[in-house]
Amino acid sequence: MFEAVLRDVVESTEGAVASLVMDLDGIPLDSYSRPDAPFDIKAVGVEFGVVIKSIAQAAQMLSAGNAQEVTIVADSLVTLIRLLSPRYFIALTLRPGGNAGRGRYLLRTRAPELLEELS
């Protein structure tokens, strides 16, 4: 359903290894991973989905508006997350040193296309 967009985001971002669209309850809608991905993107999405839900709630409680983007940097993994709606998000994982700026740009510019599919 979303695989063409997810593949394009991964293939167009230096250092990217996987991407997925998931709802905040941890249900993956679609994903794409390079064959050499060192982890399961669905497991990453489930674990970070819990964090994203908390961040979105905290932003609302602080009257900061809707959370839009979260970046998680770990020793061997960088995950960019863009909320598509109050219920769905897209995540892109990169190796450290990957082009996170390009990844953020692609997540932002491809989000409307994904939202249209979710409608």
Protein backbone atom coordinates (compact mmCIF):
# COMPACT_ATOMS: atom_id res chain seq x y z
CA MET A 1 0.00 0.00 0.00
CA PHE A 2 2.71 2.51 1.04
CA GLU A 3 5.71 0.45 -0.03
CA ALA A 4 6.61 2.54 -3.09
CA VAL A 5 6.90 5.72 -1.01
CA LEU A 6 8.78 3.95 1.78
CA ARG A 7 11.22 2.36 -0.68
CA ASP A 8 11.81 5.71 -2.38
CA VAL A 9 12.54 7.44 0.94
CA VAL A 10 15.04 4.74 1.94
CA GLU A 11 16.70 4.47 -1.46
CA SER A 12 16.97 8.28 -1.80
CA THR A 13 18.57 8.85 1.62
CA GLU A 14 22.26 8.07 2.08
CA GLY A 15 22.70 5.71 5.03
CA ALA A 16 18.99 4.85 5.36
CA VAL A 17 18.17 1.20 5.99
CA ALA A 18 14.42 0.98 6.62
CA SER A 19 11.14 2.86 6.88
CA LEU A 20 7.59 2.15 7.95
CA VAL A 21 4.13 3.61 8.41
CA MET A 22 2.54 2.62 11.71
CA ASP A 23 -0.34 3.60 13.93
CA LEU A 24 0.32 4.73 17.49
CA ASP A 25 -1.12 1.47 18.83
CA GLY A 26 1.84 -0.38 17.29
CA ILE A 27 0.16 -1.82 14.23
CA PRO A 28 2.40 -1.52 11.16
CA LEU A 29 0.58 -0.61 7.94
CA ASP A 30 3.55 -1.15 5.64
CA SER A 31 7.33 -1.19 5.70
CA TYR A 32 10.41 -1.40 3.53
CA SER A 33 13.89 -2.55 4.58
CA ARG A 34 17.13 -2.94 2.69
CA PRO A 35 18.25 -6.57 2.64
CA ASP A 36 21.20 -5.73 4.92
CA ALA A 37 19.11 -3.98 7.60
CA PRO A 38 20.62 -4.95 10.97
CA PHE A 39 17.26 -4.93 12.80
CA ASP A 40 13.53 -5.44 12.39
CA ILE A 41 11.95 -2.06 11.53
CA LYS A 42 8.58 -3.23 12.85
CA ALA A 43 10.08 -3.90 16.29
CA VAL A 44 11.72 -0.45 16.22
CA GLY A 45 8.36 1.11 15.32
CA VAL A 46 6.49 -0.66 18.11
CA GLU A 47 9.04 0.37 20.75
CA PHE A 48 9.29 3.98 19.60
CA GLY A 49 5.52 4.23 19.05
CA VAL A 50 5.03 4.16 22.81
CA VAL A 51 7.49 7.05 23.17
CA ILE A 52 5.86 9.03 20.35
CA LYS A 53 2.45 8.69 21.96
CA SER A 54 3.84 10.11 25.21
CA ILE A 55 5.60 12.97 23.43
CA ALA A 56 2.42 13.90 21.55
CA GLN A 57 0.45 13.94 24.81
CA ALA A 58 3.12 16.02 26.56
CA ALA A 59 3.11 18.59 23.73
CA GLN A 60 -0.65 18.93 24.08
CA MET A 61 -0.46 19.27 27.88
CA LEU A 62 2.13 22.02 27.50
CA SER A 63 -0.10 23.86 25.01
CA ALA A 64 2.72 23.55 22.47
CA GLY A 65 0.41 22.29 19.74
CA ASN A 66 0.72 19.05 17.85
CA ALA A 67 4.06 17.24 17.87
CA GLN A 68 5.36 16.96 14.32
CA GLU A 69 8.77 15.31 14.36
CA VAL A 70 11.01 13.38 16.74
CA THR A 71 14.60 12.26 16.22
CA ILE A 72 16.15 9.50 18.31
CA VAL A 73 19.92 9.13 18.10
CA ALA A 74 21.51 6.00 19.53
CA ASP A 75 25.00 4.54 19.15
CA SER A 76 24.16 2.37 16.15
CA LEU A 77 20.84 3.74 14.96
CA VAL A 78 19.24 7.09 14.10
CA THR A 79 15.46 7.10 13.83
CA LEU A 80 13.51 10.00 12.34
CA ILE A 81 9.80 10.00 13.08
CA ARG A 82 7.21 12.28 11.50
CA LEU A 83 3.66 12.26 12.77
CA LEU A 84 1.24 12.08 9.87
CA SER A 85 -1.87 12.56 12.01
CA PRO A 86 -2.87 12.08 15.64
CA ARG A 87 -3.02 8.36 14.88
CA TYR A 88 -0.25 7.54 12.36
CA PHE A 89 3.46 8.14 11.89
CA ILE A 90 6.24 7.37 9.45
CA ALA A 91 9.68 6.35 10.69
CA LEU A 92 12.98 6.25 8.86
CA THR A 93 16.04 4.55 10.33
CA LEU A 94 19.57 5.39 9.31
CA ARG A 95 23.05 4.30 10.22
CA PRO A 96 25.01 6.92 12.20
CA GLY A 97 26.48 9.40 9.73
CA GLY A 98 23.56 8.92 7.31
CA ASN A 99 22.01 11.97 5.69
CA ALA A 100 19.40 12.83 8.32
CA GLY A 101 18.67 16.20 6.70
CA ARG A 102 17.68 14.54 3.45
CA GLY A 103 15.63 11.99 5.39
CA ARG A 104 13.74 14.72 7.25
CA TYR A 105 13.07 16.54 4.00
CA LEU A 106 11.70 13.41 2.31
CA LEU A 107 9.51 12.51 5.29
CA ARG A 108 8.06 16.02 5.31
CA THR A 109 7.47 16.26 1.56
CA ARG A 110 6.08 12.74 1.13
CA ALA A 111 3.74 12.99 4.16
CA PRO A 112 0.81 14.48 2.17
CA GLU A 113 0.93 11.56 -0.24
CA LEU A 114 0.79 9.10 2.65
CA LEU A 115 -2.04 11.02 4.33
CA GLU A 116 -4.06 10.84 1.13
CA GLU A 117 -3.69 7.05 1.17
CA LEU A 118 -4.78 6.94 4.82
CA SER A 119 -8.02 8.79 4.05
